[in-house]
Amino acid sequence: MNFANMTSAHFIFIPVVLFVGVVIGWILGSRAARDAFAMELRKRDARLRASGSGPAAPNP
């Protein structure tokens, strides 16, 4: 592989593409984690309601 024929665009384009991929992954991952946490809270609330104790009252 002859690196002399490579343009300087490689040194700009490749890190930019990697950075964009990391940002998109971060956004999609945080969204999935937030949705999973909300689903777990809904399941916990439904379980408490089904057992008859209802949701716990917040402390004043």
PDB file of N, CA and C in Angstrom:
ATOM      1  N   MET A   1       0.853  -1.177   0.000  1.00  0.00           N
ATOM      2  CA  MET A   1       0.000   0.000   0.000  1.00  0.00           C
ATOM      3  C   MET A   1       0.894   1.234   0.000  1.00  0.00           C
ATOM      4  N   ASN A   2       0.657   2.104  -0.929  1.00  0.00           N
ATOM      5  CA  ASN A   2       1.460   3.312  -1.073  1.00  0.00           C
ATOM      6  C   ASN A   2       0.715   4.485  -0.436  1.00  0.00           C
ATOM      7  N   PHE A   3       1.220   4.928   0.710  1.00  0.00           N
ATOM      8  CA  PHE A   3       0.560   6.017   1.423  1.00  0.00           C
ATOM      9  C   PHE A   3       0.815   7.373   0.778  1.00  0.00           C
ATOM     10  N   ALA A   4       1.745   7.438  -0.136  1.00  0.00           N
ATOM     11  CA  ALA A   4       2.043   8.710  -0.801  1.00  0.00           C
ATOM     12  C   ALA A   4       0.900   9.139  -1.714  1.00  0.00           C
ATOM     13  N   ASN A   5       0.133   8.187  -2.217  1.00  0.00           N
ATOM     14  CA  ASN A   5      -0.983   8.523  -3.103  1.00  0.00           C
ATOM     15  C   ASN A   5      -2.253   8.906  -2.345  1.00  0.00           C
ATOM     16  N   MET A   6      -2.243   8.750  -1.027  1.00  0.00           N
ATOM     17  CA  MET A   6      -3.414   9.061  -0.227  1.00  0.00           C
ATOM     18  C   MET A   6      -3.522  10.572  -0.024  1.00  0.00           C
ATOM     19  N   THR A   7      -4.695  11.111  -0.209  1.00  0.00           N
ATOM     20  CA  THR A   7      -4.882  12.552  -0.025  1.00  0.00           C
ATOM     21  C   THR A   7      -5.084  12.871   1.448  1.00  0.00           C
ATOM     22  N   SER A   8      -4.999  14.140   1.772  1.00  0.00           N
ATOM     23  CA  SER A   8      -5.194  14.558   3.162  1.00  0.00           C
ATOM     24  C   SER A   8      -6.649  14.406   3.591  1.00  0.00           C
ATOM     25  N   ALA A   9      -7.544  14.216   2.644  1.00  0.00           N
ATOM     26  CA  ALA A   9      -8.960  14.035   2.977  1.00  0.00           C
ATOM     27  C   ALA A   9      -9.171  12.792   3.827  1.00  0.00           C
ATOM     28  N   HIS A  10      -8.305  11.795   3.673  1.00  0.00           N
ATOM     29  CA  HIS A  10      -8.436  10.590   4.485  1.00  0.00           C
ATOM     30  C   HIS A  10      -8.271  10.906   5.965  1.00  0.00           C
ATOM     31  N   PHE A  11      -7.377  11.825   6.279  1.00  0.00           N
ATOM     32  CA  PHE A  11      -7.110  12.163   7.673  1.00  0.00           C
ATOM     33  C   PHE A  11      -8.207  13.029   8.265  1.00  0.00           C
ATOM     34  N   ILE A  12      -9.046  13.575   7.446  1.00  0.00           N
ATOM     35  CA  ILE A  12     -10.180  14.374   7.917  1.00  0.00           C
ATOM     36  C   ILE A  12     -11.463  13.555   7.849  1.00  0.00           C
ATOM     37  N   PHE A  13     -11.688  12.886   6.747  1.00  0.00           N
ATOM     38  CA  PHE A  13     -12.945  12.185   6.505  1.00  0.00           C
ATOM     39  C   PHE A  13     -13.138  10.999   7.451  1.00  0.00           C
ATOM     40  N   ILE A  14     -12.119  10.175   7.613  1.00  0.00           N
ATOM     41  CA  ILE A  14     -12.265   8.959   8.418  1.00  0.00           C
ATOM     42  C   ILE A  14     -12.574   9.283   9.881  1.00  0.00           C
ATOM     43  N   PRO A  15     -11.856  10.181  10.562  1.00  0.00           N
ATOM     44  CA  PRO A  15     -12.232  10.511  11.946  1.00  0.00           C
ATOM     45  C   PRO A  15     -13.619  11.144  12.061  1.00  0.00           C
ATOM     46  N   VAL A  16     -14.001  11.937  11.070  1.00  0.00           N
ATOM     47  CA  VAL A  16     -15.331  12.554  11.102  1.00  0.00           C
ATOM     48  C   VAL A  16     -16.409  11.482  11.005  1.00  0.00           C
ATOM     49  N   VAL A  17     -16.225  10.510  10.125  1.00  0.00           N
ATOM     50  CA  VAL A  17     -17.197   9.424   9.986  1.00  0.00           C
ATOM     51  C   VAL A  17     -17.263   8.610  11.278  1.00  0.00           C
ATOM     52  N   LEU A  18     -16.112   8.333  11.883  1.00  0.00           N
ATOM     53  CA  LEU A  18     -16.108   7.599  13.148  1.00  0.00           C
ATOM     54  C   LEU A  18     -16.823   8.390  14.245  1.00  0.00           C
ATOM     55  N   PHE A  19     -16.574   9.686  14.307  1.00  0.00           N
ATOM     56  CA  PHE A  19     -17.215  10.520  15.317  1.00  0.00           C
ATOM     57  C   PHE A  19     -18.729  10.570  15.122  1.00  0.00           C
ATOM     58  N   VAL A  20     -19.172  10.708  13.890  1.00  0.00           N
ATOM     59  CA  VAL A  20     -20.614  10.715  13.602  1.00  0.00           C
ATOM     60  C   VAL A  20     -21.232   9.382  14.018  1.00  0.00           C
ATOM     61  N   GLY A  21     -20.541   8.281  13.763  1.00  0.00           N
ATOM     62  CA  GLY A  21     -21.041   6.974  14.179  1.00  0.00           C
ATOM     63  C   GLY A  21     -21.162   6.852  15.685  1.00  0.00           C
ATOM     64  N   VAL A  22     -20.180   7.380  16.410  1.00  0.00           N
ATOM     65  CA  VAL A  22     -20.231   7.347  17.875  1.00  0.00           C
ATOM     66  C   VAL A  22     -21.398   8.182  18.382  1.00  0.00           C
ATOM     67  N   VAL A  23     -21.605   9.348  17.808  1.00  0.00           N
ATOM     68  CA  VAL A  23     -22.707  10.221  18.243  1.00  0.00           C
ATOM     69  C   VAL A  23     -24.056   9.560  17.979  1.00  0.00           C
ATOM     70  N   ILE A  24     -24.226   8.986  16.804  1.00  0.00           N
ATOM     71  CA  ILE A  24     -25.493   8.311  16.487  1.00  0.00           C
ATOM     72  C   ILE A  24     -25.705   7.125  17.424  1.00  0.00           C
ATOM     73  N   GLY A  25     -24.661   6.356  17.684  1.00  0.00           N
ATOM     74  CA  GLY A  25     -24.770   5.234  18.615  1.00  0.00           C
ATOM     75  C   GLY A  25     -25.108   5.686  20.022  1.00  0.00           C
ATOM     76  N   TRP A  26     -24.520   6.797  20.442  1.00  0.00           N
ATOM     77  CA  TRP A  26     -24.787   7.334  21.778  1.00  0.00           C
ATOM     78  C   TRP A  26     -26.260   7.738  21.891  1.00  0.00           C
ATOM     79  N   ILE A  27     -26.770   8.410  20.886  1.00  0.00           N
ATOM     80  CA  ILE A  27     -28.167   8.860  20.904  1.00  0.00           C
ATOM     81  C   ILE A  27     -29.115   7.670  20.910  1.00  0.00           C
ATOM     82  N   LEU A  28     -28.893   6.713  20.012  1.00  0.00           N
ATOM     83  CA  LEU A  28     -29.781   5.550  19.946  1.00  0.00           C
ATOM     84  C   LEU A  28     -29.678   4.704  21.212  1.00  0.00           C
ATOM     85  N   GLY A  29     -28.477   4.562  21.755  1.00  0.00           N
ATOM     86  CA  GLY A  29     -28.296   3.782  22.977  1.00  0.00           C
ATOM     87  C   GLY A  29     -28.958   4.426  24.177  1.00  0.00           C
ATOM     88  N   SER A  30     -28.840   5.742  24.303  1.00  0.00           N
ATOM     89  CA  SER A  30     -29.469   6.414  25.439  1.00  0.00           C
ATOM     90  C   SER A  30     -30.984   6.355  25.333  1.00  0.00           C
ATOM     91  N   ARG A  31     -31.496   6.430  24.116  1.00  0.00           N
ATOM     92  CA  ARG A  31     -32.945   6.323  23.917  1.00  0.00           C
ATOM     93  C   ARG A  31     -33.432   4.926  24.295  1.00  0.00           C
ATOM     94  N   ALA A  32     -32.695   3.905  23.898  1.00  0.00           N
ATOM     95  CA  ALA A  32     -33.080   2.530  24.221  1.00  0.00           C
ATOM     96  C   ALA A  32     -33.012   2.289  25.726  1.00  0.00           C
ATOM     97  N   ALA A  33     -31.990   2.824  26.384  1.00  0.00           N
ATOM     98  CA  ALA A  33     -31.869   2.657  27.831  1.00  0.00           C
ATOM     99  C   ALA A  33     -33.004   3.368  28.558  1.00  0.00           C
ATOM    100  N   ARG A  34     -33.362   4.562  28.101  1.00  0.00           N
ATOM    101  CA  ARG A  34     -34.460   5.307  28.723  1.00  0.00           C
ATOM    102  C   ARG A  34     -35.781   4.566  28.555  1.00  0.00           C
ATOM    103  N   ASP A  35     -36.025   4.010  27.368  1.00  0.00           N
ATOM    104  CA  ASP A  35     -37.248   3.249  27.126  1.00  0.00           C
ATOM    105  C   ASP A  35     -37.288   1.979  27.967  1.00  0.00           C
ATOM    106  N   ALA A  36     -36.152   1.304  28.103  1.00  0.00           N
ATOM    107  CA  ALA A  36     -36.102   0.085  28.913  1.00  0.00           C
ATOM    108  C   ALA A  36     -36.364   0.406  30.381  1.00  0.00           C
ATOM    109  N   PHE A  37     -35.824   1.512  30.868  1.00  0.00           N
ATOM    110  CA  PHE A  37     -36.053   1.900  32.253  1.00  0.00           C
ATOM    111  C   PHE A  37     -37.520   2.249  32.487  1.00  0.00           C
ATOM    112  N   ALA A  38     -38.133   2.962  31.546  1.00  0.00           N
ATOM    113  CA  ALA A  38     -39.553   3.304  31.669  1.00  0.00           C
ATOM    114  C   ALA A  38     -40.416   2.051  31.650  1.00  0.00           C
ATOM    115  N   MET A  39     -40.062   1.080  30.807  1.00  0.00           N
ATOM    116  CA  MET A  39     -40.807  -0.179  30.762  1.00  0.00           C
ATOM    117  C   MET A  39     -40.688  -0.922  32.091  1.00  0.00           C
ATOM    118  N   GLU A  40     -39.502  -0.920  32.673  1.00  0.00           N
ATOM    119  CA  GLU A  40     -39.307  -1.589  33.961  1.00  0.00           C
ATOM    120  C   GLU A  40     -40.129  -0.909  35.053  1.00  0.00           C
ATOM    121  N   LEU A  41     -40.196   0.409  35.028  1.00  0.00           N
ATOM    122  CA  LEU A  41     -41.013   1.118  36.014  1.00  0.00           C
ATOM    123  C   LEU A  41     -42.492   0.790  35.837  1.00  0.00           C
ATOM    124  N   ARG A  42     -42.949   0.705  34.584  1.00  0.00           N
ATOM    125  CA  ARG A  42     -44.351   0.351  34.342  1.00  0.00           C
ATOM    126  C   ARG A  42     -44.648  -1.064  34.825  1.00  0.00           C
ATOM    127  N   LYS A  43     -43.730  -1.993  34.583  1.00  0.00           N
ATOM    128  CA  LYS A  43     -43.930  -3.369  35.049  1.00  0.00           C
ATOM    129  C   LYS A  43     -43.991  -3.420  36.570  1.00  0.00           C
ATOM    130  N   ARG A  44     -43.099  -2.681  37.216  1.00  0.00           N
ATOM    131  CA  ARG A  44     -43.068  -2.673  38.677  1.00  0.00           C
ATOM    132  C   ARG A  44     -44.360  -2.089  39.232  1.00  0.00           C
ATOM    133  N   ASP A  45     -44.845  -1.013  38.619  1.00  0.00           N
ATOM    134  CA  ASP A  45     -46.089  -0.391  39.063  1.00  0.00           C
ATOM    135  C   ASP A  45     -47.269  -1.341  38.860  1.00  0.00           C
ATOM    136  N   ALA A  46     -47.310  -2.028  37.726  1.00  0.00           N
ATOM    137  CA  ALA A  46     -48.397  -2.970  37.465  1.00  0.00           C
ATOM    138  C   ALA A  46     -48.360  -4.128  38.458  1.00  0.00           C
ATOM    139  N   ARG A  47     -47.160  -4.592  38.801  1.00  0.00           N
ATOM    140  CA  ARG A  47     -47.036  -5.677  39.776  1.00  0.00           C
ATOM    141  C   ARG A  47     -47.528  -5.238  41.149  1.00  0.00           C
ATOM    142  N   LEU A  48     -47.186  -4.002  41.535  1.00  0.00           N
ATOM    143  CA  LEU A  48     -47.639  -3.502  42.833  1.00  0.00           C
ATOM    144  C   LEU A  48     -49.157  -3.340  42.863  1.00  0.00           C
ATOM    145  N   ARG A  49     -49.726  -2.855  41.781  1.00  0.00           N
ATOM    146  CA  ARG A  49     -51.184  -2.700  41.729  1.00  0.00           C
ATOM    147  C   ARG A  49     -51.882  -4.050  41.745  1.00  0.00           C
ATOM    148  N   ALA A  50     -51.303  -5.041  41.075  1.00  0.00           N
ATOM    149  CA  ALA A  50     -51.909  -6.369  41.034  1.00  0.00           C
ATOM    150  C   ALA A  50     -51.850  -7.042  42.402  1.00  0.00           C
ATOM    151  N   SER A  51     -50.811  -6.740  43.175  1.00  0.00           N
ATOM    152  CA  SER A  51     -50.702  -7.355  44.495  1.00  0.00           C
ATOM    153  C   SER A  51     -51.608  -6.665  45.504  1.00  0.00           C
ATOM    154  N   GLY A  52     -52.168  -5.516  45.145  1.00  0.00           N
ATOM    155  CA  GLY A  52     -53.127  -4.847  46.011  1.00  0.00           C
ATOM    156  C   GLY A  52     -52.520  -3.779  46.891  1.00  0.00           C
ATOM    157  N   SER A  53     -51.221  -3.656  46.906  1.00  0.00           N
ATOM    158  CA  SER A  53     -50.611  -2.664  47.784  1.00  0.00           C
ATOM    159  C   SER A  53     -50.557  -1.286  47.142  1.00  0.00           C
ATOM    160  N   GLY A  54     -50.668  -1.216  45.821  1.00  0.00           N
ATOM    161  CA  GLY A  54     -50.655   0.065  45.127  1.00  0.00           C
ATOM    162  C   GLY A  54     -49.276   0.678  45.141  1.00  0.00           C
ATOM    163  N   PRO A  55     -49.104   1.771  44.430  1.00  0.00           N
ATOM    164  CA  PRO A  55     -47.786   2.414  44.403  1.00  0.00           C
ATOM    165  C   PRO A  55     -47.467   3.038  45.750  1.00  0.00           C
ATOM    166  N   ALA A  56     -46.215   3.038  46.089  1.00  0.00           N
ATOM    167  CA  ALA A  56     -45.793   3.602  47.367  1.00  0.00           C
ATOM    168  C   ALA A  56     -45.963   5.114  47.334  1.00  0.00           C
ATOM    169  N   ALA A  57     -46.422   5.672  48.460  1.00  0.00           N
ATOM    170  CA  ALA A  57     -46.604   7.114  48.555  1.00  0.00           C
ATOM    171  C   ALA A  57     -45.243   7.770  48.761  1.00  0.00           C
ATOM    172  N   PRO A  58     -44.997   8.897  48.108  1.00  0.00           N
ATOM    173  CA  PRO A  58     -43.711   9.582  48.299  1.00  0.00           C
ATOM    174  C   PRO A  58     -43.625  10.182  49.692  1.00  0.00           C
ATOM    175  N   ASN A  59     -42.427  10.236  50.233  1.00  0.00           N
ATOM    176  CA  ASN A  59     -42.225  10.830  51.554  1.00  0.00           C
ATOM    177  C   ASN A  59     -42.262  12.342  51.443  1.00  0.00           C
ATOM    178  N   PRO A  60     -42.969  13.018  52.356  1.00  0.00           N
ATOM    179  CA  PRO A  60     -43.035  14.495  52.284  1.00  0.00           C
ATOM    180  C   PRO A  60     -41.759  15.140  52.729  1.00  0.00           C
TER     181      PRO A  60
END
